C-alpha cells in the first residue's frame, strides 16, 4: 500500500565517512513510499523523505522499518 507516515520525532541527520552506511542529509519528519505491515511497524520502500517544512531530504536509504511507536499517524493513499 502507498503511504505517508508522519513521525512523532524526526529521524536525525546522519553522515557516514566513506559511505559505509546509509546517510541522511537532514532531519526527516515524513516518510513516503510503499509499505507492508509487519509485526510492530511498517516496512517501507522509500519514495521520498521530507523535513518539517515539507522540503525533500536526500538520503541513500532505500528501505526502512518504522516501529509503530515512532509513527504519529500514517495516511494510506491507495492499496
Protein backbone atom coordinates (compact mmCIF):
# COMPACT_ATOMS: atom_id res chain seq x y z
CA UNK A 1 0.00 0.00 0.00
CA UNK A 2 1.17 3.53 -0.74
CA UNK A 3 1.53 5.55 2.49
CA UNK A 4 2.62 8.84 4.01
CA UNK A 5 3.96 8.25 7.54
CA UNK A 6 4.22 11.31 9.79
CA UNK A 7 6.69 10.80 12.63
CA UNK A 8 6.36 11.69 16.31
CA UNK A 9 10.03 12.63 16.42
CA UNK A 10 12.29 13.18 13.41
CA UNK A 11 14.90 10.86 12.00
CA UNK A 12 18.09 12.80 12.60
CA UNK A 13 20.83 13.68 10.17
CA UNK A 14 23.46 11.03 9.84
CA UNK A 15 26.57 11.15 7.73
CA UNK A 16 28.92 8.24 7.46
CA UNK A 17 32.57 8.68 6.48
CA UNK A 18 33.45 6.78 3.32
CA UNK A 19 29.86 5.77 2.62
CA UNK A 20 29.94 2.52 4.62
CA UNK A 21 26.44 3.03 6.00
CA UNK A 22 23.37 4.82 4.61
CA UNK A 23 23.19 8.53 5.32
CA UNK A 24 20.51 11.23 5.68
CA UNK A 25 21.23 14.84 4.67
CA UNK A 26 18.68 16.42 7.04
CA UNK A 27 16.08 15.78 9.73
CA UNK A 28 13.12 13.74 8.44
CA UNK A 29 9.53 14.30 9.67
CA UNK A 30 7.63 12.45 6.93
CA UNK A 31 8.32 9.24 5.03
CA UNK A 32 6.53 8.44 1.77
CA UNK A 33 6.60 5.13 -0.03
CA UNK A 34 5.13 1.69 -0.49
CA UNK A 35 4.63 -0.14 2.80
CA UNK A 36 3.95 -3.61 4.06
CA UNK A 37 2.58 -4.11 7.56
CA UNK A 38 4.93 -6.16 9.76
CA UNK A 39 4.69 -7.09 13.44
CA UNK A 40 5.13 -3.84 15.33
CA UNK A 41 5.51 -1.45 12.40
CA UNK A 42 5.72 -0.65 8.71
CA UNK A 43 8.37 -1.91 6.29
CA UNK A 44 8.60 0.97 3.78
CA UNK A 45 10.25 1.08 0.37
CA UNK A 46 11.03 4.81 0.34
CA UNK A 47 9.97 7.11 -2.49
CA UNK A 48 10.58 10.40 -0.59
CA UNK A 49 11.80 11.74 2.74
CA UNK A 50 10.55 15.17 3.83
CA UNK A 51 11.62 17.63 6.52
CA UNK A 52 9.43 19.62 8.91
CA UNK A 53 8.78 22.36 6.34
CA UNK A 54 8.00 19.91 3.52
CA UNK A 55 11.43 20.13 1.89
CA UNK A 56 12.89 17.00 0.31
CA UNK A 57 15.71 15.40 2.29
CA UNK A 58 18.33 13.48 0.31
CA UNK A 59 19.34 10.05 1.55
CA UNK A 60 20.92 6.83 0.40
CA UNK A 61 18.33 4.85 2.40
CA UNK A 62 16.01 2.89 0.10
CA UNK A 63 14.08 0.81 2.63
CA UNK A 64 13.23 1.45 6.27
CA UNK A 65 11.38 -0.33 9.08
CA UNK A 66 9.42 2.18 11.16
CA UNK A 67 8.14 0.86 14.50
CA UNK A 68 4.58 1.96 15.33
CA UNK A 69 5.94 3.80 18.40
CA UNK A 70 7.86 6.13 16.02
CA UNK A 71 4.82 6.94 13.85
CA UNK A 72 2.35 9.63 14.90
CA UNK A 73 -0.05 8.56 12.15
CA UNK A 74 0.02 7.37 8.57
CA UNK A 75 -2.18 8.09 5.59
CA UNK A 76 -2.97 5.28 3.15
CA UNK A 77 -3.01 6.86 -0.32
CA UNK A 78 -4.03 3.68 -2.15
CA UNK A 79 -3.92 -0.10 -1.77
